[in-house]
Amino acid sequence: PDLRKQLGVWYTPPEIVTYMVERVDQLLRSELGIEDGLADESVYVLDPATGTGSYVVEVAKRIHKTLEEQGHGAMAAAGVKRALTTRVFGFEILPAPYVVAHLQLGVLLRGMGAALSGKERAGVYLTNALTGWEEPKGAKQSLLPFLQEEQEKAAKVKREAPIIVILGNPPYNG
């Protein structure tokens, strides 16, 4: 329990996740004039403490719903896949929830008929959301090849992605 509290690991009921994602989608449309909300290709989203991926999954579902409403049919799933691989991101510091997030997104995409293949991956990265936003100073640490590649991809998102939506679990204890 102490480690859970220290790392900010909290469960968010699905109703709250759905409400928050729907509200952000609505605000993008009404306040920023982005007609397609979260489905707009210019909207980059980050969940900085994604855990098992609840918010990222719900964003994907909202994007799918919008694309279906617009008559994209079977191509709606391809639009969700494109969003999850290019502009919807999650950062997670703990390996187990990181793996579960990837599993959930993979299952979601497969269920929609747009499974990830080959080297494709969802934009969820094993990283500390609080570090790496600036170029590192000093000597570069040597990591295992997988972790090095993961850190480089996360750093690229941190430094280059034009994120306009930060969405995730609120700090219930603070």
C-alpha atoms as a PDB file:
ATOM      1  CA  PRO A   1       0.000   0.000   0.000  1.00  0.00           C
ATOM      2  CA  ASP A   2       2.822   2.460   0.752  1.00  0.00           C
ATOM      3  CA  LEU A   3       4.518   1.851  -2.598  1.00  0.00           C
ATOM      4  CA  ARG A   4       1.169   2.120  -4.376  1.00  0.00           C
ATOM      5  CA  LYS A   5       0.555   5.484  -2.721  1.00  0.00           C
ATOM      6  CA  GLN A   6       4.123   6.667  -3.375  1.00  0.00           C
ATOM      7  CA  LEU A   7       3.841   5.823  -7.097  1.00  0.00           C
ATOM      8  CA  GLY A   8       0.297   7.186  -7.387  1.00  0.00           C
ATOM      9  CA  VAL A   9      -1.301   3.897  -8.436  1.00  0.00           C
ATOM     10  CA  TRP A  10      -5.061   4.432  -8.200  1.00  0.00           C
ATOM     11  CA  TYR A  11      -8.047   2.724  -9.769  1.00  0.00           C
ATOM     12  CA  THR A  12     -10.434   4.974 -11.687  1.00  0.00           C
ATOM     13  CA  PRO A  13     -13.984   3.709 -12.212  1.00  0.00           C
ATOM     14  CA  PRO A  14     -14.856   3.290 -15.918  1.00  0.00           C
ATOM     15  CA  GLU A  15     -17.721   5.771 -15.594  1.00  0.00           C
ATOM     16  CA  ILE A  16     -15.278   8.519 -14.621  1.00  0.00           C
ATOM     17  CA  VAL A  17     -12.900   7.605 -17.457  1.00  0.00           C
ATOM     18  CA  THR A  18     -15.755   7.682 -19.982  1.00  0.00           C
ATOM     19  CA  TYR A  19     -17.069  10.982 -18.634  1.00  0.00           C
ATOM     20  CA  MET A  20     -13.653  12.647 -18.754  1.00  0.00           C
ATOM     21  CA  VAL A  21     -12.927  11.474 -22.306  1.00  0.00           C
ATOM     22  CA  GLU A  22     -16.378  12.540 -23.530  1.00  0.00           C
ATOM     23  CA  ARG A  23     -15.995  15.918 -21.829  1.00  0.00           C
ATOM     24  CA  VAL A  24     -12.582  16.532 -23.430  1.00  0.00           C
ATOM     25  CA  ASP A  25     -14.008  15.553 -26.826  1.00  0.00           C
ATOM     26  CA  GLN A  26     -16.889  17.974 -26.303  1.00  0.00           C
ATOM     27  CA  LEU A  27     -14.579  20.805 -25.194  1.00  0.00           C
ATOM     28  CA  LEU A  28     -12.322  20.342 -28.210  1.00  0.00           C
ATOM     29  CA  ARG A  29     -15.392  20.797 -30.392  1.00  0.00           C
ATOM     30  CA  SER A  30     -17.123  23.634 -28.534  1.00  0.00           C
ATOM     31  CA  GLU A  31     -14.242  25.667 -27.090  1.00  0.00           C
ATOM     32  CA  LEU A  32     -11.439  25.108 -29.616  1.00  0.00           C
ATOM     33  CA  GLY A  33     -13.564  24.697 -32.736  1.00  0.00           C
ATOM     34  CA  ILE A  34     -12.067  21.299 -33.572  1.00  0.00           C
ATOM     35  CA  GLU A  35     -15.039  19.788 -35.359  1.00  0.00           C
ATOM     36  CA  ASP A  36     -13.968  16.137 -35.042  1.00  0.00           C
ATOM     37  CA  GLY A  37     -12.823  16.392 -31.416  1.00  0.00           C
ATOM     38  CA  LEU A  38     -10.431  13.615 -30.446  1.00  0.00           C
ATOM     39  CA  ALA A  39     -10.774  12.095 -33.929  1.00  0.00           C
ATOM     40  CA  ASP A  40      -9.150  15.137 -35.547  1.00  0.00           C
ATOM     41  CA  GLU A  41      -5.721  14.213 -36.917  1.00  0.00           C
ATOM     42  CA  SER A  42      -4.202  17.375 -35.411  1.00  0.00           C
ATOM     43  CA  VAL A  43      -5.179  16.445 -31.845  1.00  0.00           C
ATOM     44  CA  TYR A  44      -2.300  14.802 -29.990  1.00  0.00           C
ATOM     45  CA  VAL A  45      -3.200  13.185 -26.663  1.00  0.00           C
ATOM     46  CA  LEU A  46      -1.034  12.116 -23.727  1.00  0.00           C
ATOM     47  CA  ASP A  47      -1.876  10.144 -20.615  1.00  0.00           C
ATOM     48  CA  PRO A  48       1.293  10.748 -18.555  1.00  0.00           C
ATOM     49  CA  ALA A  49       0.586   7.962 -16.044  1.00  0.00           C
ATOM     50  CA  THR A  50      -1.356   5.539 -18.180  1.00  0.00           C
ATOM     51  CA  GLY A  51      -1.343   2.515 -15.896  1.00  0.00           C
ATOM     52  CA  THR A  52      -3.252  -0.276 -17.626  1.00  0.00           C
ATOM     53  CA  GLY A  53      -4.437   2.083 -20.369  1.00  0.00           C
ATOM     54  CA  SER A  54      -8.012   2.917 -19.372  1.00  0.00           C
ATOM     55  CA  TYR A  55      -7.903   6.464 -20.728  1.00  0.00           C
ATOM     56  CA  VAL A  56      -6.040   5.577 -23.920  1.00  0.00           C
ATOM     57  CA  VAL A  57      -8.526   2.757 -24.611  1.00  0.00           C
ATOM     58  CA  GLU A  58     -11.458   5.103 -24.020  1.00  0.00           C
ATOM     59  CA  VAL A  59      -9.927   7.754 -26.309  1.00  0.00           C
ATOM     60  CA  ALA A  60      -9.618   5.056 -28.994  1.00  0.00           C
ATOM     61  CA  LYS A  61     -13.277   4.101 -28.534  1.00  0.00           C
ATOM     62  CA  ARG A  62     -14.326   7.771 -28.797  1.00  0.00           C
ATOM     63  CA  ILE A  63     -12.310   8.195 -31.991  1.00  0.00           C
ATOM     64  CA  HIS A  64     -13.914   5.046 -33.413  1.00  0.00           C
ATOM     65  CA  LYS A  65     -17.400   6.268 -32.550  1.00  0.00           C
ATOM     66  CA  THR A  66     -16.796   9.621 -34.265  1.00  0.00           C
ATOM     67  CA  LEU A  67     -15.384   7.994 -37.390  1.00  0.00           C
ATOM     68  CA  GLU A  68     -18.316   5.575 -37.580  1.00  0.00           C
ATOM     69  CA  GLU A  69     -20.787   8.462 -37.169  1.00  0.00           C
ATOM     70  CA  GLN A  70     -19.075  10.142 -40.110  1.00  0.00           C
ATOM     71  CA  GLY A  71     -19.712   7.060 -42.249  1.00  0.00           C
ATOM     72  CA  HIS A  72     -16.183   5.677 -42.391  1.00  0.00           C
ATOM     73  CA  GLY A  73     -17.484   2.126 -41.895  1.00  0.00           C
ATOM     74  CA  ALA A  74     -14.708  -0.469 -41.861  1.00  0.00           C
ATOM     75  CA  MET A  75     -12.112   2.287 -42.332  1.00  0.00           C
ATOM     76  CA  ALA A  76     -12.962   3.663 -38.878  1.00  0.00           C
ATOM     77  CA  ALA A  77     -10.822   0.932 -37.310  1.00  0.00           C
ATOM     78  CA  ALA A  78      -7.890   1.912 -39.515  1.00  0.00           C
ATOM     79  CA  GLY A  79      -8.296   5.502 -38.302  1.00  0.00           C
ATOM     80  CA  VAL A  80      -8.158   4.331 -34.690  1.00  0.00           C
ATOM     81  CA  LYS A  81      -5.048   2.276 -35.422  1.00  0.00           C
ATOM     82  CA  ARG A  82      -3.386   5.274 -37.070  1.00  0.00           C
ATOM     83  CA  ALA A  83      -4.261   7.448 -34.042  1.00  0.00           C
ATOM     84  CA  LEU A  84      -2.910   4.905 -31.553  1.00  0.00           C
ATOM     85  CA  THR A  85       0.357   4.550 -33.429  1.00  0.00           C
ATOM     86  CA  THR A  86       1.000   8.216 -34.250  1.00  0.00           C
ATOM     87  CA  ARG A  87      -0.773  10.700 -31.971  1.00  0.00           C
ATOM     88  CA  VAL A  88      -2.337   9.108 -28.877  1.00  0.00           C
ATOM     89  CA  PHE A  89       0.329   8.375 -26.278  1.00  0.00           C
ATOM     90  CA  GLY A  90       0.649   6.931 -22.818  1.00  0.00           C
ATOM     91  CA  PHE A  91       3.619   6.954 -20.468  1.00  0.00           C
ATOM     92  CA  GLU A  92       3.939   4.357 -17.722  1.00  0.00           C
ATOM     93  CA  ILE A  93       6.790   3.839 -15.292  1.00  0.00           C
ATOM     94  CA  LEU A  94       5.819   0.354 -14.055  1.00  0.00           C
ATOM     95  CA  PRO A  95       6.403  -2.654 -16.343  1.00  0.00           C
ATOM     96  CA  ALA A  96       3.327  -4.744 -15.425  1.00  0.00           C
ATOM     97  CA  PRO A  97       0.674  -2.050 -16.133  1.00  0.00           C
ATOM     98  CA  TYR A  98       2.631  -1.061 -19.264  1.00  0.00           C
ATOM     99  CA  VAL A  99       2.274  -4.608 -20.605  1.00  0.00           C
ATOM    100  CA  VAL A 100      -1.428  -4.710 -19.693  1.00  0.00           C
ATOM    101  CA  ALA A 101      -1.999  -1.397 -21.516  1.00  0.00           C
ATOM    102  CA  HIS A 102      -0.420  -2.822 -24.668  1.00  0.00           C
ATOM    103  CA  LEU A 103      -2.503  -5.980 -24.292  1.00  0.00           C
ATOM    104  CA  GLN A 104      -5.734  -3.992 -23.927  1.00  0.00           C
ATOM    105  CA  LEU A 105      -4.969  -1.837 -26.965  1.00  0.00           C
ATOM    106  CA  GLY A 106      -3.999  -4.877 -29.022  1.00  0.00           C
ATOM    107  CA  VAL A 107      -7.221  -6.660 -28.098  1.00  0.00           C
ATOM    108  CA  LEU A 108      -9.261  -3.532 -28.884  1.00  0.00           C
ATOM    109  CA  LEU A 109      -7.694  -3.106 -32.317  1.00  0.00           C
ATOM    110  CA  ARG A 110      -8.012  -6.803 -33.126  1.00  0.00           C
ATOM    111  CA  GLY A 111     -11.690  -6.681 -32.134  1.00  0.00           C
ATOM    112  CA  MET A 112     -12.192  -3.741 -34.494  1.00  0.00           C
ATOM    113  CA  GLY A 113     -10.500  -5.629 -37.317  1.00  0.00           C
ATOM    114  CA  ALA A 114      -7.307  -3.528 -37.396  1.00  0.00           C
ATOM    115  CA  ALA A 115      -4.799  -5.676 -35.530  1.00  0.00           C
ATOM    116  CA  LEU A 116      -1.236  -4.461 -35.117  1.00  0.00           C
ATOM    117  CA  SER A 117       1.218  -6.402 -37.246  1.00  0.00           C
ATOM    118  CA  GLY A 118       4.959  -6.768 -37.590  1.00  0.00           C
ATOM    119  CA  LYS A 119       6.775  -3.949 -35.829  1.00  0.00           C
ATOM    120  CA  GLU A 120       3.651  -1.819 -35.357  1.00  0.00           C
ATOM    121  CA  ARG A 121       2.958  -0.766 -31.798  1.00  0.00           C
ATOM    122  CA  ALA A 122       0.676   1.500 -29.868  1.00  0.00           C
ATOM    123  CA  GLY A 123       2.205   4.725 -28.560  1.00  0.00           C
ATOM    124  CA  VAL A 124       2.440   3.594 -24.941  1.00  0.00           C
ATOM    125  CA  TYR A 125       5.975   3.873 -23.594  1.00  0.00           C
ATOM    126  CA  LEU A 126       7.762   2.528 -20.543  1.00  0.00           C
ATOM    127  CA  THR A 127       9.140   5.805 -19.228  1.00  0.00           C
ATOM    128  CA  ASN A 128       9.050   8.283 -16.406  1.00  0.00           C
ATOM    129  CA  ALA A 129       6.713  11.074 -17.525  1.00  0.00           C
ATOM    130  CA  LEU A 130       8.601  13.577 -15.362  1.00  0.00           C
ATOM    131  CA  THR A 131      11.990  13.180 -17.051  1.00  0.00           C
ATOM    132  CA  GLY A 132      13.467  13.393 -20.538  1.00  0.00           C
ATOM    133  CA  TRP A 133      11.678  16.494 -21.811  1.00  0.00           C
ATOM    134  CA  GLU A 134      15.006  18.217 -22.421  1.00  0.00           C
ATOM    135  CA  GLU A 135      18.112  16.890 -24.138  1.00  0.00           C
ATOM    136  CA  PRO A 136      20.242  14.955 -21.631  1.00  0.00           C
ATOM    137  CA  LYS A 137      23.312  16.652 -20.253  1.00  0.00           C
ATOM    138  CA  GLY A 138      26.472  14.654 -19.666  1.00  0.00           C
ATOM    139  CA  ALA A 139      27.222  11.055 -20.583  1.00  0.00           C
ATOM    140  CA  LYS A 140      24.423   8.897 -21.950  1.00  0.00           C
ATOM    141  CA  GLN A 141      23.570   5.890 -19.796  1.00  0.00           C
ATOM    142  CA  SER A 142      23.809   2.488 -21.423  1.00  0.00           C
ATOM    143  CA  LEU A 143      20.599   0.492 -21.235  1.00  0.00           C
ATOM    144  CA  LEU A 144      19.503  -2.863 -22.616  1.00  0.00           C
ATOM    145  CA  PRO A 145      18.729  -2.440 -26.346  1.00  0.00           C
ATOM    146  CA  PHE A 146      14.960  -2.765 -25.813  1.00  0.00           C
ATOM    147  CA  LEU A 147      14.955  -0.205 -23.018  1.00  0.00           C
ATOM    148  CA  GLN A 148      17.252   2.130 -24.954  1.00  0.00           C
ATOM    149  CA  GLU A 149      14.923   2.076 -27.966  1.00  0.00           C
ATOM    150  CA  GLU A 150      11.905   2.576 -25.686  1.00  0.00           C
ATOM    151  CA  GLN A 151      13.521   5.597 -24.029  1.00  0.00           C
ATOM    152  CA  GLU A 152      14.465   7.106 -27.382  1.00  0.00           C
ATOM    153  CA  LYS A 153      10.909   6.761 -28.723  1.00  0.00           C
ATOM    154  CA  ALA A 154       9.459   8.228 -25.527  1.00  0.00           C
ATOM    155  CA  ALA A 155      11.927  11.124 -25.637  1.00  0.00           C
ATOM    156  CA  LYS A 156      10.936  11.848 -29.228  1.00  0.00           C
ATOM    157  CA  VAL A 157       7.284  12.136 -28.154  1.00  0.00           C
ATOM    158  CA  LYS A 158       8.252  14.304 -25.184  1.00  0.00           C
ATOM    159  CA  ARG A 159      10.323  16.690 -27.279  1.00  0.00           C
ATOM    160  CA  GLU A 160       8.503  16.766 -30.613  1.00  0.00           C
ATOM    161  CA  ALA A 161       4.821  15.799 -30.345  1.00  0.00           C
ATOM    162  CA  PRO A 162       2.491  18.839 -30.369  1.00  0.00           C
ATOM    163  CA  ILE A 163       0.407  17.536 -27.457  1.00  0.00           C
ATOM    164  CA  ILE A 164      -2.724  19.577 -26.806  1.00  0.00           C
ATOM    165  CA  VAL A 165      -4.629  17.153 -24.564  1.00  0.00           C
ATOM    166  CA  ILE A 166      -3.252  15.732 -21.339  1.00  0.00           C
ATOM    167  CA  LEU A 167      -5.748  13.345 -19.893  1.00  0.00           C
ATOM    168  CA  GLY A 168      -5.554  10.798 -17.128  1.00  0.00           C
ATOM    169  CA  ASN A 169      -6.163   9.768 -13.596  1.00  0.00           C
ATOM    170  CA  PRO A 170      -6.538  12.788 -11.332  1.00  0.00           C
ATOM    171  CA  PRO A 171      -4.503  12.854  -8.106  1.00  0.00           C
ATOM    172  CA  TYR A 172      -7.269  11.719  -5.772  1.00  0.00           C
ATOM    173  CA  ASN A 173      -5.038  11.926  -2.703  1.00  0.00           C
ATOM    174  CA  GLY A 174      -3.666  15.412  -3.355  1.00  0.00           C
END
